[in-house]
Structures are given as structure tokens and as C-alpha cells.
């Protein structure tokens, strides 16, 4: 057999395995939905017996899922409630995508690029957390409230002598209940925020952290050293070197609480980063397109509509290679 023929046969075999594993995931979700009937189980048996690839895919899926569930059981022994949390996620409307992400994280292979896109596995142990497309407000024991943007996570410690939180990922709007003897401390990657009362935003990125004083004055301390006061209605970004940059424009960065993104303006790369929190699809943007300035108000809960609005107002193209892979590029680069 010629090398080219072997390559073609190998590719065909891989495609068949991928399809079989995809179908096996569908069957797993269907049979565990709580609505499966006798005819569903009979149809599954016929599917499994109809091809060695089907049987192998189902066996492999069970093995990998067993590994991941054992890991969750170990996590649950240290942090009770995680087992039930995963079970609930798999029963939600996006449960098939959550299953793919979970399995990809333990090495199933097919759909590995979906890992962590629906369920942020890296922050499952956080005290407070949200998944893709979810916003949620949490009441604290001291009367304060933390509102989390999608794919965000916070650890909290509100006790008799302390009021503090650690932003592990994403964006949070804190509404601090007054307590003169106990200021509220929120620590992020590049900066810590101290507030005695009021409302403020902290948005944590890889390169810098954004803080906006929505009400009342804040005291800021950069992780790299240096302190400053932030007055109400003002914002600032801080990077790993402790460099401060004032926020310009009319947007506070907290508009996600109302379900939209205000770019006034923002580079397209930052706009895409915000939209990634609201879709399990992989959104890729070319370096040239990422630098384009965007001035718009975009819906977060309808990413497709947001992308159409960007195409209508920016010199870009959007290409969908699958429901899970979308790229943005300049019209020249497309």
C-alpha cells in the first residue's frame, strides 16, 4: 500500500472514531436524561452492536468518565457539594457541552478544544463562581453583596474580625455594607481594594486589572508597590509592574450587570474577550483585527447578534468553521 493511501485510510479511521465518540456522548446524555424509555435502550443496544467502533467508543467513554468522576469524588471529600454541582451541570440544557468539557479535561481527545469552555473547571473549588453565560449576585453574611460576571470566581472570608475576598477570575461588582471598624478588602492579581462602604468594580485580566469606584472613595494598593486614592466616578487600571493608567471614556466596565457591553471605545480584542464569557464557542481574532477600535453597545446574552453588529460597523469578517469555532479577521486579511 502506498504512503498516500495509508494516510487517507488513517484519516478516515480517525474521523470514524471521532464520530463514534460524538454519538456515544449523545447516547450518554439521552440515557441519563431521566426521560429514556425502553425503545431508547433498545435503539442504543442496536447502535452499539452495529459497529466495533461504536462499542469501542462507548467503552472508552465509560473509562474516561469513570476517571473524571473519581476525581470529582476525591474533590467532594475535601469540598462537599462538588459532586452534586457537577451532576446538576450535566443535567442542564448545555449538559452535553459540559460533558465534553469534562471529558476533554481528562484526556478523551475528541472535542478537547472545548475543555473549560462551558464549565470553568479551574475554579470549581472557589467559594462563589459562575459558568459561561451566567451572571449571579451573592449575599454575604455582613450584608454586603458580590455580583459576578460570567466565568468569574471569588473566595470570601467574612467573619467577626475580617471582611475580605479574593478575585480568582473574571469580574465582580462589590456592594459594601458600612462597617466602620471593619473595612472590606478585595484582593485581585495586580491590586488590592479597601472600601468602608459603597460600590465598586474590579475586572481582572492577564495583563492588568481594572478598578472603578462606582460610589464612595476607595484605597488602592498595587501588588508591585504603591498606593493611591480613587474618587467616586473614576477608574484606573494597574499592571504587574505597578503602573497606573486612568480609565477614559464614559463606560464604567460594570455594564454587564445589565446584560450589555459598552465599548466607548475598546479595542476589538477586548470586546471579543468579553464575548468569550458568554459562549462555549472558541472565538479567535487576528492581531490586525484585535487592534481595531470599537465604539458600540453590544448584547452579551446574544453573542450572534453582537457579532452581526460588529460586522455591520467594523471592517471585519466573521467566519464560522463549526458551531464551536469562530474567527474574526480584517476584510483585508480574510
C-alpha atoms as a PDB file:
ATOM      1  CA  UNK A   1       0.000   0.000   0.000  1.00  0.00           C
ATOM      2  CA  UNK A   2       1.314   3.436  -0.938  1.00  0.00           C
ATOM      3  CA  UNK A   3       2.036   6.003   1.835  1.00  0.00           C
ATOM      4  CA  UNK A   4      -0.649   8.316   0.457  1.00  0.00           C
ATOM      5  CA  UNK A   5      -3.216   5.526   0.631  1.00  0.00           C
ATOM      6  CA  UNK A   6      -2.215   4.697   4.200  1.00  0.00           C
ATOM      7  CA  UNK A   7      -2.569   8.377   5.155  1.00  0.00           C
ATOM      8  CA  UNK A   8      -6.062   8.518   3.649  1.00  0.00           C
ATOM      9  CA  UNK A   9      -7.144   5.330   5.441  1.00  0.00           C
ATOM     10  CA  UNK A  10      -5.696   6.615   8.720  1.00  0.00           C
ATOM     11  CA  UNK A  11      -7.589   9.903   8.389  1.00  0.00           C
ATOM     12  CA  UNK A  12     -10.808   8.031   7.612  1.00  0.00           C
ATOM     13  CA  UNK A  13     -10.327   5.828  10.682  1.00  0.00           C
ATOM     14  CA  UNK A  14      -9.774   8.870  12.889  1.00  0.00           C
ATOM     15  CA  UNK A  15     -12.910  10.515  11.501  1.00  0.00           C
ATOM     16  CA  UNK A  16     -14.908   7.362  12.214  1.00  0.00           C
ATOM     17  CA  UNK A  17     -13.595   7.221  15.777  1.00  0.00           C
ATOM     18  CA  UNK A  18     -14.438  10.883  16.308  1.00  0.00           C
ATOM     19  CA  UNK A  19     -17.991  10.398  15.000  1.00  0.00           C
ATOM     20  CA  UNK A  20     -18.437   7.307  17.150  1.00  0.00           C
ATOM     21  CA  UNK A  21     -17.308   9.117  20.302  1.00  0.00           C
ATOM     22  CA  UNK A  22     -19.586  12.052  19.487  1.00  0.00           C
ATOM     23  CA  UNK A  23     -22.519   9.659  19.106  1.00  0.00           C
ATOM     24  CA  UNK A  24     -21.569   7.905  22.345  1.00  0.00           C
ATOM     25  CA  UNK A  25     -21.789  11.242  24.178  1.00  0.00           C
ATOM     26  CA  UNK A  26     -25.234  11.800  22.681  1.00  0.00           C
ATOM     27  CA  UNK A  27     -26.335   8.389  23.908  1.00  0.00           C
ATOM     28  CA  UNK A  28     -24.949   9.006  27.398  1.00  0.00           C
ATOM     29  CA  UNK A  29     -26.861  12.265  27.736  1.00  0.00           C
ATOM     30  CA  UNK A  30     -30.022  10.705  26.305  1.00  0.00           C
ATOM     31  CA  UNK A  31     -29.953   7.610  28.531  1.00  0.00           C
ATOM     32  CA  UNK A  32     -29.261   9.680  31.671  1.00  0.00           C
ATOM     33  CA  UNK A  33     -31.798  12.401  30.944  1.00  0.00           C
ATOM     34  CA  UNK A  34     -34.475  10.801  33.106  1.00  0.00           C
ATOM     35  CA  UNK A  35     -36.763  10.528  30.065  1.00  0.00           C
ATOM     36  CA  UNK A  36     -35.256   7.463  28.362  1.00  0.00           C
ATOM     37  CA  UNK A  37     -37.769   4.706  27.604  1.00  0.00           C
ATOM     38  CA  UNK A  38     -37.414   1.033  26.716  1.00  0.00           C
ATOM     39  CA  UNK A  39     -37.261   1.822  22.986  1.00  0.00           C
ATOM     40  CA  UNK A  40     -34.353   4.209  23.645  1.00  0.00           C
ATOM     41  CA  UNK A  41     -32.396   1.492  25.415  1.00  0.00           C
ATOM     42  CA  UNK A  42     -33.172  -0.929  22.590  1.00  0.00           C
ATOM     43  CA  UNK A  43     -32.024   1.601  19.977  1.00  0.00           C
ATOM     44  CA  UNK A  44     -28.829   2.171  21.952  1.00  0.00           C
ATOM     45  CA  UNK A  45     -28.136  -1.561  22.048  1.00  0.00           C
ATOM     46  CA  UNK A  46     -28.571  -1.764  18.265  1.00  0.00           C
ATOM     47  CA  UNK A  47     -26.254   1.217  17.777  1.00  0.00           C
ATOM     48  CA  UNK A  48     -23.563  -0.308  19.962  1.00  0.00           C
ATOM     49  CA  UNK A  49     -23.762  -3.699  18.241  1.00  0.00           C
ATOM     50  CA  UNK A  50     -23.800  -2.235  14.740  1.00  0.00           C
ATOM     51  CA  UNK A  51     -20.100  -1.362  14.656  1.00  0.00           C
ATOM     52  CA  UNK A  52     -16.919  -2.287  16.556  1.00  0.00           C
ATOM     53  CA  UNK A  53     -16.093   1.439  16.526  1.00  0.00           C
ATOM     54  CA  UNK A  54     -19.345   2.184  18.375  1.00  0.00           C
ATOM     55  CA  UNK A  55     -18.641  -0.409  21.050  1.00  0.00           C
ATOM     56  CA  UNK A  56     -15.046   0.813  21.455  1.00  0.00           C
ATOM     57  CA  UNK A  57     -16.186   4.447  21.728  1.00  0.00           C
ATOM     58  CA  UNK A  58     -18.749   3.595  24.408  1.00  0.00           C
ATOM     59  CA  UNK A  59     -16.200   1.576  26.395  1.00  0.00           C
ATOM     60  CA  UNK A  60     -13.641   4.356  26.165  1.00  0.00           C
ATOM     61  CA  UNK A  61     -16.209   6.946  27.196  1.00  0.00           C
ATOM     62  CA  UNK A  62     -17.142   4.939  30.290  1.00  0.00           C
ATOM     63  CA  UNK A  63     -13.492   4.525  31.242  1.00  0.00           C
ATOM     64  CA  UNK A  64     -12.707   8.225  30.889  1.00  0.00           C
ATOM     65  CA  UNK A  65     -15.880   9.334  32.607  1.00  0.00           C
ATOM     66  CA  UNK A  66     -15.076   6.963  35.445  1.00  0.00           C
ATOM     67  CA  UNK A  67     -11.701   8.647  35.837  1.00  0.00           C
ATOM     68  CA  UNK A  68     -13.228  12.104  35.944  1.00  0.00           C
ATOM     69  CA  UNK A  69     -15.976  11.077  38.371  1.00  0.00           C
ATOM     70  CA  UNK A  70     -13.422   9.503  40.702  1.00  0.00           C
ATOM     71  CA  UNK A  71     -11.526  12.794  40.629  1.00  0.00           C
ATOM     72  CA  UNK A  72     -14.749  14.631  41.466  1.00  0.00           C
ATOM     73  CA  UNK A  73     -15.415  12.206  44.345  1.00  0.00           C
ATOM     74  CA  UNK A  74     -11.963  12.984  45.733  1.00  0.00           C
ATOM     75  CA  UNK A  75     -12.685  16.693  45.389  1.00  0.00           C
ATOM     76  CA  UNK A  76     -16.064  16.229  47.045  1.00  0.00           C
ATOM     77  CA  UNK A  77     -14.449  14.556  50.060  1.00  0.00           C
ATOM     78  CA  UNK A  78     -12.458  17.752  50.645  1.00  0.00           C
ATOM     79  CA  UNK A  79     -15.086  20.257  49.477  1.00  0.00           C
ATOM     80  CA  UNK A  80     -18.588  18.814  49.981  1.00  0.00           C
ATOM     81  CA  UNK A  81     -21.085  19.700  47.291  1.00  0.00           C
ATOM     82  CA  UNK A  82     -18.847  19.489  44.224  1.00  0.00           C
ATOM     83  CA  UNK A  83     -20.212  16.071  43.221  1.00  0.00           C
ATOM     84  CA  UNK A  84     -23.791  17.347  43.216  1.00  0.00           C
ATOM     85  CA  UNK A  85     -22.683  20.522  41.424  1.00  0.00           C
ATOM     86  CA  UNK A  86     -21.204  18.548  38.517  1.00  0.00           C
ATOM     87  CA  UNK A  87     -24.290  16.351  38.379  1.00  0.00           C
ATOM     88  CA  UNK A  88     -26.525  19.416  38.151  1.00  0.00           C
ATOM     89  CA  UNK A  89     -24.384  20.906  35.396  1.00  0.00           C
ATOM     90  CA  UNK A  90     -24.695  17.760  33.308  1.00  0.00           C
ATOM     91  CA  UNK A  91     -28.474  17.865  33.667  1.00  0.00           C
ATOM     92  CA  UNK A  92     -28.758  21.454  32.472  1.00  0.00           C
ATOM     93  CA  UNK A  93     -29.581  22.344  28.836  1.00  0.00           C
ATOM     94  CA  UNK A  94     -25.882  22.609  27.972  1.00  0.00           C
ATOM     95  CA  UNK A  95     -25.098  19.307  29.688  1.00  0.00           C
ATOM     96  CA  UNK A  96     -23.678  17.709  26.523  1.00  0.00           C
ATOM     97  CA  UNK A  97     -21.179  20.528  26.138  1.00  0.00           C
ATOM     98  CA  UNK A  98     -20.382  20.303  29.838  1.00  0.00           C
ATOM     99  CA  UNK A  99     -19.780  16.582  29.387  1.00  0.00           C
ATOM    100  CA  UNK A 100     -17.428  17.281  26.502  1.00  0.00           C
ATOM    101  CA  UNK A 101     -15.519  19.831  28.535  1.00  0.00           C
ATOM    102  CA  UNK A 102     -15.284  17.483  31.497  1.00  0.00           C
ATOM    103  CA  UNK A 103     -14.100  14.558  29.401  1.00  0.00           C
ATOM    104  CA  UNK A 104     -11.657  16.675  27.430  1.00  0.00           C
ATOM    105  CA  UNK A 105     -10.085  17.786  30.678  1.00  0.00           C
ATOM    106  CA  UNK A 106      -9.178  14.169  31.470  1.00  0.00           C
ATOM    107  CA  UNK A 107      -7.887  13.440  28.004  1.00  0.00           C
ATOM    108  CA  UNK A 108     -10.617  11.928  25.845  1.00  0.00           C
ATOM    109  CA  UNK A 109      -9.227  13.817  22.860  1.00  0.00           C
ATOM    110  CA  UNK A 110     -12.218  14.493  20.639  1.00  0.00           C
ATOM    111  CA  UNK A 111     -13.547  17.940  21.393  1.00  0.00           C
ATOM    112  CA  UNK A 112     -10.554  18.698  23.618  1.00  0.00           C
ATOM    113  CA  UNK A 113     -10.621  22.308  22.440  1.00  0.00           C
ATOM    114  CA  UNK A 114     -13.989  22.649  24.198  1.00  0.00           C
ATOM    115  CA  UNK A 115     -12.400  21.931  27.574  1.00  0.00           C
ATOM    116  CA  UNK A 116     -13.292  24.534  30.132  1.00  0.00           C
ATOM    117  CA  UNK A 117     -15.496  26.496  27.737  1.00  0.00           C
ATOM    118  CA  UNK A 118     -18.778  25.676  29.475  1.00  0.00           C
ATOM    119  CA  UNK A 119     -17.710  24.769  32.988  1.00  0.00           C
ATOM    120  CA  UNK A 120     -14.639  26.660  34.249  1.00  0.00           C
ATOM    121  CA  UNK A 121     -13.015  23.604  35.794  1.00  0.00           C
ATOM    122  CA  UNK A 122     -10.064  25.573  37.129  1.00  0.00           C
ATOM    123  CA  UNK A 123     -12.273  27.454  39.611  1.00  0.00           C
ATOM    124  CA  UNK A 124     -14.631  24.689  40.734  1.00  0.00           C
ATOM    125  CA  UNK A 125     -13.215  24.971  44.255  1.00  0.00           C
ATOM    126  CA  UNK A 126     -13.954  28.710  44.577  1.00  0.00           C
ATOM    127  CA  UNK A 127     -16.449  29.814  47.214  1.00  0.00           C
ATOM    128  CA  UNK A 128     -18.517  31.763  44.655  1.00  0.00           C
ATOM    129  CA  UNK A 129     -18.460  31.128  40.923  1.00  0.00           C
ATOM    130  CA  UNK A 130     -20.359  31.450  37.665  1.00  0.00           C
ATOM    131  CA  UNK A 131     -20.204  29.461  34.424  1.00  0.00           C
ATOM    132  CA  UNK A 132     -20.261  30.569  30.812  1.00  0.00           C
ATOM    133  CA  UNK A 133     -23.162  32.921  30.088  1.00  0.00           C
ATOM    134  CA  UNK A 134     -24.202  33.176  33.751  1.00  0.00           C
ATOM    135  CA  UNK A 135     -24.349  36.300  35.930  1.00  0.00           C
ATOM    136  CA  UNK A 136     -25.180  35.987  39.581  1.00  0.00           C
ATOM    137  CA  UNK A 137     -25.312  38.082  42.763  1.00  0.00           C
ATOM    138  CA  UNK A 138     -24.297  36.606  46.116  1.00  0.00           C
ATOM    139  CA  UNK A 139     -25.305  37.986  49.536  1.00  0.00           C
ATOM    140  CA  UNK A 140     -22.589  37.900  52.193  1.00  0.00           C
ATOM    141  CA  UNK A 141     -23.035  37.420  55.928  1.00  0.00           C
ATOM    142  CA  UNK A 142     -22.128  41.049  56.702  1.00  0.00           C
ATOM    143  CA  UNK A 143     -24.873  42.442  54.475  1.00  0.00           C
ATOM    144  CA  UNK A 144     -22.577  43.132  51.527  1.00  0.00           C
ATOM    145  CA  UNK A 145     -23.176  41.717  48.061  1.00  0.00           C
ATOM    146  CA  UNK A 146     -20.887  40.454  45.317  1.00  0.00           C
ATOM    147  CA  UNK A 147     -22.215  40.344  41.749  1.00  0.00           C
ATOM    148  CA  UNK A 148     -20.165  38.098  39.455  1.00  0.00           C
ATOM    149  CA  UNK A 149     -19.928  38.357  35.694  1.00  0.00           C
ATOM    150  CA  UNK A 150     -19.912  35.177  33.607  1.00  0.00           C
ATOM    151  CA  UNK A 151     -16.950  32.817  34.174  1.00  0.00           C
ATOM    152  CA  UNK A 152     -15.897  34.565  37.375  1.00  0.00           C
ATOM    153  CA  UNK A 153     -14.836  33.203  40.755  1.00  0.00           C
ATOM    154  CA  UNK A 154     -14.256  34.650  44.222  1.00  0.00           C
ATOM    155  CA  UNK A 155     -13.141  33.279  47.589  1.00  0.00           C
ATOM    156  CA  UNK A 156     -14.627  35.062  50.609  1.00  0.00           C
ATOM    157  CA  UNK A 157     -13.851  35.336  54.311  1.00  0.00           C
ATOM    158  CA  UNK A 158     -16.416  37.379  56.205  1.00  0.00           C
ATOM    159  CA  UNK A 159     -16.035  36.736  59.923  1.00  0.00           C
ATOM    160  CA  UNK A 160     -16.244  38.666  63.182  1.00  0.00           C
ATOM    161  CA  UNK A 161     -12.892  40.362  62.705  1.00  0.00           C
ATOM    162  CA  UNK A 162     -12.366  40.349  58.928  1.00  0.00           C
ATOM    163  CA  UNK A 163     -14.140  41.174  55.706  1.00  0.00           C
ATOM    164  CA  UNK A 164     -12.114  40.134  52.705  1.00  0.00           C
ATOM    165  CA  UNK A 165     -12.405  38.458  49.323  1.00  0.00           C
ATOM    166  CA  UNK A 166     -10.016  37.221  46.643  1.00  0.00           C
ATOM    167  CA  UNK A 167     -10.964  37.597  42.980  1.00  0.00           C
ATOM    168  CA  UNK A 168      -9.628  34.446  41.357  1.00  0.00           C
ATOM    169  CA  UNK A 169     -11.016  35.057  37.894  1.00  0.00           C
ATOM    170  CA  UNK A 170     -13.218  37.460  35.969  1.00  0.00           C
ATOM    171  CA  UNK A 171     -15.243  40.488  37.059  1.00  0.00           C
ATOM    172  CA  UNK A 172     -17.015  41.443  40.278  1.00  0.00           C
ATOM    173  CA  UNK A 173     -19.124  44.381  41.425  1.00  0.00           C
ATOM    174  CA  UNK A 174     -18.973  44.733  45.209  1.00  0.00           C
ATOM    175  CA  UNK A 175     -21.683  46.488  47.202  1.00  0.00           C
ATOM    176  CA  UNK A 176     -20.113  47.000  50.604  1.00  0.00           C
ATOM    177  CA  UNK A 177     -22.272  47.325  53.692  1.00  0.00           C
ATOM    178  CA  UNK A 178     -20.959  50.034  56.063  1.00  0.00           C
ATOM    179  CA  UNK A 179     -18.857  48.812  58.984  1.00  0.00           C
ATOM    180  CA  UNK A 180     -16.580  51.500  60.375  1.00  0.00           C
ATOM    181  CA  UNK A 181     -14.324  49.130  62.304  1.00  0.00           C
ATOM    182  CA  UNK A 182     -14.054  46.538  59.533  1.00  0.00           C
ATOM    183  CA  UNK A 183     -13.107  47.841  56.090  1.00  0.00           C
ATOM    184  CA  UNK A 184     -13.783  45.471  53.203  1.00  0.00           C
ATOM    185  CA  UNK A 185     -10.653  44.199  51.426  1.00  0.00           C
ATOM    186  CA  UNK A 186     -10.839  42.741  47.910  1.00  0.00           C
ATOM    187  CA  UNK A 187      -7.606  41.329  46.503  1.00  0.00           C
ATOM    188  CA  UNK A 188      -7.001  40.862  42.787  1.00  0.00           C
ATOM    189  CA  UNK A 189      -3.969  39.819  40.756  1.00  0.00           C
ATOM    190  CA  UNK A 190      -2.441  43.285  40.365  1.00  0.00           C
ATOM    191  CA  UNK A 191      -4.118  45.396  43.028  1.00  0.00           C
ATOM    192  CA  UNK A 192      -5.972  45.290  46.358  1.00  0.00           C
ATOM    193  CA  UNK A 193      -9.009  47.464  47.075  1.00  0.00           C
ATOM    194  CA  UNK A 194     -10.081  48.712  50.509  1.00  0.00           C
ATOM    195  CA  UNK A 195     -13.596  50.124  50.949  1.00  0.00           C
ATOM    196  CA  UNK A 196     -15.530  51.082  54.072  1.00  0.00           C
ATOM    197  CA  UNK A 197     -18.802  51.246  52.149  1.00  0.00           C
ATOM    198  CA  UNK A 198     -20.140  51.889  48.660  1.00  0.00           C
ATOM    199  CA  UNK A 199     -19.974  50.112  45.350  1.00  0.00           C
ATOM    200  CA  UNK A 200     -17.050  49.346  43.066  1.00  0.00           C
ATOM    201  CA  UNK A 201     -15.969  47.196  40.119  1.00  0.00           C
ATOM    202  CA  UNK A 202     -12.874  45.027  39.832  1.00  0.00           C
ATOM    203  CA  UNK A 203     -12.160  43.388  36.470  1.00  0.00           C
ATOM    204  CA  UNK A 204      -9.156  41.090  36.384  1.00  0.00           C
ATOM    205  CA  UNK A 205      -7.229  40.342  33.201  1.00  0.00           C
ATOM    206  CA  UNK A 206      -3.939  38.631  32.498  1.00  0.00           C
ATOM    207  CA  UNK A 207      -2.042  41.851  31.787  1.00  0.00           C
ATOM    208  CA  UNK A 208      -3.855  44.345  34.013  1.00  0.00           C
ATOM    209  CA  UNK A 209      -6.695  44.793  36.492  1.00  0.00           C
ATOM    210  CA  UNK A 210      -9.349  47.492  36.177  1.00  0.00           C
ATOM    211  CA  UNK A 211     -10.937  49.180  39.217  1.00  0.00           C
ATOM    212  CA  UNK A 212     -13.818  51.645  39.039  1.00  0.00           C
ATOM    213  CA  UNK A 213     -15.232  53.494  42.057  1.00  0.00           C
ATOM    214  CA  UNK A 214     -18.965  53.454  41.333  1.00  0.00           C
ATOM    215  CA  UNK A 215     -19.794  55.067  44.700  1.00  0.00           C
ATOM    216  CA  UNK A 216     -17.613  56.217  47.593  1.00  0.00           C
ATOM    217  CA  UNK A 217     -13.841  56.616  47.727  1.00  0.00           C
ATOM    218  CA  UNK A 218     -11.509  53.605  47.514  1.00  0.00           C
ATOM    219  CA  UNK A 219      -7.987  52.978  48.749  1.00  0.00           C
ATOM    220  CA  UNK A 220      -5.851  51.023  46.275  1.00  0.00           C
ATOM    221  CA  UNK A 221      -2.574  49.206  46.780  1.00  0.00           C
ATOM    222  CA  UNK A 222      -0.699  47.782  43.772  1.00  0.00           C
ATOM    223  CA  UNK A 223       0.795  44.308  44.178  1.00  0.00           C
ATOM    224  CA  UNK A 224       4.079  45.690  42.846  1.00  0.00           C
ATOM    225  CA  UNK A 225       4.032  48.531  45.384  1.00  0.00           C
ATOM    226  CA  UNK A 226       2.448  51.948  45.506  1.00  0.00           C
ATOM    227  CA  UNK A 227      -0.839  53.247  46.858  1.00  0.00           C
ATOM    228  CA  UNK A 228      -3.425  55.774  45.774  1.00  0.00           C
ATOM    229  CA  UNK A 229      -6.919  57.008  46.449  1.00  0.00           C
ATOM    230  CA  UNK A 230      -9.650  56.542  43.843  1.00  0.00           C
ATOM    231  CA  UNK A 231     -12.517  59.026  43.934  1.00  0.00           C
ATOM    232  CA  UNK A 232     -16.135  58.159  43.055  1.00  0.00           C
ATOM    233  CA  UNK A 233     -16.808  58.126  39.318  1.00  0.00           C
ATOM    234  CA  UNK A 234     -13.158  57.455  38.489  1.00  0.00           C
ATOM    235  CA  UNK A 235     -11.446  54.342  37.199  1.00  0.00           C
ATOM    236  CA  UNK A 236      -7.904  53.081  36.840  1.00  0.00           C
ATOM    237  CA  UNK A 237      -6.008  50.078  35.511  1.00  0.00           C
ATOM    238  CA  UNK A 238      -2.958  48.544  37.204  1.00  0.00           C
ATOM    239  CA  UNK A 239      -0.457  46.151  35.623  1.00  0.00           C
ATOM    240  CA  UNK A 240       2.105  43.709  37.037  1.00  0.00           C
ATOM    241  CA  UNK A 241       4.753  46.434  37.233  1.00  0.00           C
ATOM    242  CA  UNK A 242       2.502  48.669  39.307  1.00  0.00           C
ATOM    243  CA  UNK A 243       1.864  51.158  36.510  1.00  0.00           C
ATOM    244  CA  UNK A 244      -1.366  53.143  36.913  1.00  0.00           C
ATOM    245  CA  UNK A 245      -3.426  54.253  33.934  1.00  0.00           C
ATOM    246  CA  UNK A 246      -6.638  56.308  34.303  1.00  0.00           C
ATOM    247  CA  UNK A 247      -9.759  54.945  32.628  1.00  0.00           C
ATOM    248  CA  UNK A 248     -11.110  57.245  29.932  1.00  0.00           C
ATOM    249  CA  UNK A 249     -14.494  57.265  28.254  1.00  0.00           C
ATOM    250  CA  UNK A 250     -17.997  57.095  29.657  1.00  0.00           C
ATOM    251  CA  UNK A 251     -18.161  53.338  30.336  1.00  0.00           C
ATOM    252  CA  UNK A 252     -17.536  52.076  33.854  1.00  0.00           C
ATOM    253  CA  UNK A 253     -16.973  48.455  32.821  1.00  0.00           C
ATOM    254  CA  UNK A 254     -19.860  47.298  35.019  1.00  0.00           C
ATOM    255  CA  UNK A 255     -22.488  47.434  32.240  1.00  0.00           C
ATOM    256  CA  UNK A 256     -22.504  43.619  32.137  1.00  0.00           C
ATOM    257  CA  UNK A 257     -24.789  43.753  35.191  1.00  0.00           C
ATOM    258  CA  UNK A 258     -27.497  44.990  32.796  1.00  0.00           C
ATOM    259  CA  UNK A 259     -26.540  42.445  30.118  1.00  0.00           C
ATOM    260  CA  UNK A 260     -24.582  44.555  27.679  1.00  0.00           C
ATOM    261  CA  UNK A 261     -21.033  45.605  26.881  1.00  0.00           C
ATOM    262  CA  UNK A 262     -20.303  49.294  26.442  1.00  0.00           C
ATOM    263  CA  UNK A 263     -17.291  49.862  24.216  1.00  0.00           C
ATOM    264  CA  UNK A 264     -16.547  53.571  24.321  1.00  0.00           C
ATOM    265  CA  UNK A 265     -14.182  52.801  22.739  1.00  0.00           C
ATOM    266  CA  UNK A 266     -12.396  49.481  23.280  1.00  0.00           C
ATOM    267  CA  UNK A 267     -10.024  47.504  21.056  1.00  0.00           C
ATOM    268  CA  UNK A 268     -11.831  44.690  19.275  1.00  0.00           C
ATOM    269  CA  UNK A 269      -9.589  42.209  21.087  1.00  0.00           C
ATOM    270  CA  UNK A 270     -11.031  43.302  24.442  1.00  0.00           C
ATOM    271  CA  UNK A 271     -14.562  43.184  23.044  1.00  0.00           C
ATOM    272  CA  UNK A 272     -14.016  39.591  21.889  1.00  0.00           C
ATOM    273  CA  UNK A 273     -12.560  38.697  25.302  1.00  0.00           C
ATOM    274  CA  UNK A 274     -15.786  39.940  26.925  1.00  0.00           C
ATOM    275  CA  UNK A 275     -17.960  37.970  24.488  1.00  0.00           C
ATOM    276  CA  UNK A 276     -15.989  34.775  25.169  1.00  0.00           C
ATOM    277  CA  UNK A 277     -17.531  34.703  28.636  1.00  0.00           C
ATOM    278  CA  UNK A 278     -20.950  34.270  27.044  1.00  0.00           C
ATOM    279  CA  UNK A 279     -20.452  31.464  24.522  1.00  0.00           C
ATOM    280  CA  UNK A 280     -18.990  27.955  24.683  1.00  0.00           C
ATOM    281  CA  UNK A 281     -17.628  28.504  21.172  1.00  0.00           C
ATOM    282  CA  UNK A 282     -13.980  29.340  20.648  1.00  0.00           C
ATOM    283  CA  UNK A 283     -13.722  32.945  19.404  1.00  0.00           C
ATOM    284  CA  UNK A 284     -10.438  33.762  17.683  1.00  0.00           C
ATOM    285  CA  UNK A 285      -9.444  37.225  16.473  1.00  0.00           C
ATOM    286  CA  UNK A 286      -6.452  38.072  14.305  1.00  0.00           C
ATOM    287  CA  UNK A 287      -3.866  40.528  15.705  1.00  0.00           C
ATOM    288  CA  UNK A 288      -4.767  43.055  12.999  1.00  0.00           C
ATOM    289  CA  UNK A 289      -8.481  42.892  13.794  1.00  0.00           C
ATOM    290  CA  UNK A 290      -7.863  42.890  17.560  1.00  0.00           C
ATOM    291  CA  UNK A 291      -6.342  46.368  17.331  1.00  0.00           C
ATOM    292  CA  UNK A 292      -9.401  47.944  15.688  1.00  0.00           C
ATOM    293  CA  UNK A 293     -11.223  50.485  17.913  1.00  0.00           C
ATOM    294  CA  UNK A 294     -14.860  49.658  18.616  1.00  0.00           C
ATOM    295  CA  UNK A 295     -17.439  52.127  19.866  1.00  0.00           C
ATOM    296  CA  UNK A 296     -20.742  50.356  20.384  1.00  0.00           C
ATOM    297  CA  UNK A 297     -23.198  48.875  22.863  1.00  0.00           C
ATOM    298  CA  UNK A 298     -23.397  45.113  22.377  1.00  0.00           C
ATOM    299  CA  UNK A 299     -25.737  42.485  23.885  1.00  0.00           C
ATOM    300  CA  UNK A 300     -23.910  39.893  25.964  1.00  0.00           C
ATOM    301  CA  UNK A 301     -26.726  37.347  26.096  1.00  0.00           C
ATOM    302  CA  UNK A 302     -26.924  37.093  22.291  1.00  0.00           C
ATOM    303  CA  UNK A 303     -23.375  36.684  21.004  1.00  0.00           C
ATOM    304  CA  UNK A 304     -24.530  36.001  17.434  1.00  0.00           C
ATOM    305  CA  UNK A 305     -26.341  39.343  17.361  1.00  0.00           C
ATOM    306  CA  UNK A 306     -23.286  41.061  18.828  1.00  0.00           C
ATOM    307  CA  UNK A 307     -21.081  39.578  16.100  1.00  0.00           C
ATOM    308  CA  UNK A 308     -23.522  40.720  13.397  1.00  0.00           C
ATOM    309  CA  UNK A 309     -23.412  44.234  14.838  1.00  0.00           C
ATOM    310  CA  UNK A 310     -19.608  44.194  14.713  1.00  0.00           C
ATOM    311  CA  UNK A 311     -19.661  43.115  11.073  1.00  0.00           C
ATOM    312  CA  UNK A 312     -22.081  45.943  10.268  1.00  0.00           C
ATOM    313  CA  UNK A 313     -19.904  48.591  11.915  1.00  0.00           C
ATOM    314  CA  UNK A 314     -16.320  47.337  11.526  1.00  0.00           C
ATOM    315  CA  UNK A 315     -14.156  46.409   8.500  1.00  0.00           C
ATOM    316  CA  UNK A 316     -14.075  42.767   9.571  1.00  0.00           C
ATOM    317  CA  UNK A 317     -15.329  39.360   8.505  1.00  0.00           C
ATOM    318  CA  UNK A 318     -16.646  36.590  10.749  1.00  0.00           C
ATOM    319  CA  UNK A 319     -16.125  33.003   9.636  1.00  0.00           C
ATOM    320  CA  UNK A 320     -17.774  30.016  11.301  1.00  0.00           C
ATOM    321  CA  UNK A 321     -15.867  26.795  10.775  1.00  0.00           C
ATOM    322  CA  UNK A 322     -18.299  24.940  13.053  1.00  0.00           C
ATOM    323  CA  UNK A 323     -20.783  25.913  15.764  1.00  0.00           C
ATOM    324  CA  UNK A 324     -17.825  25.784  18.148  1.00  0.00           C
ATOM    325  CA  UNK A 325     -15.121  27.653  16.218  1.00  0.00           C
ATOM    326  CA  UNK A 326     -15.479  31.258  15.024  1.00  0.00           C
ATOM    327  CA  UNK A 327     -12.752  33.568  13.714  1.00  0.00           C
ATOM    328  CA  UNK A 328     -12.712  37.329  13.245  1.00  0.00           C
ATOM    329  CA  UNK A 329     -10.317  38.992  10.826  1.00  0.00           C
ATOM    330  CA  UNK A 330      -9.962  42.220   8.889  1.00  0.00           C
ATOM    331  CA  UNK A 331     -11.502  42.259   5.442  1.00  0.00           C
ATOM    332  CA  UNK A 332      -8.027  42.575   4.009  1.00  0.00           C
ATOM    333  CA  UNK A 333      -6.739  39.583   5.940  1.00  0.00           C
ATOM    334  CA  UNK A 334      -9.739  37.356   5.225  1.00  0.00           C
END
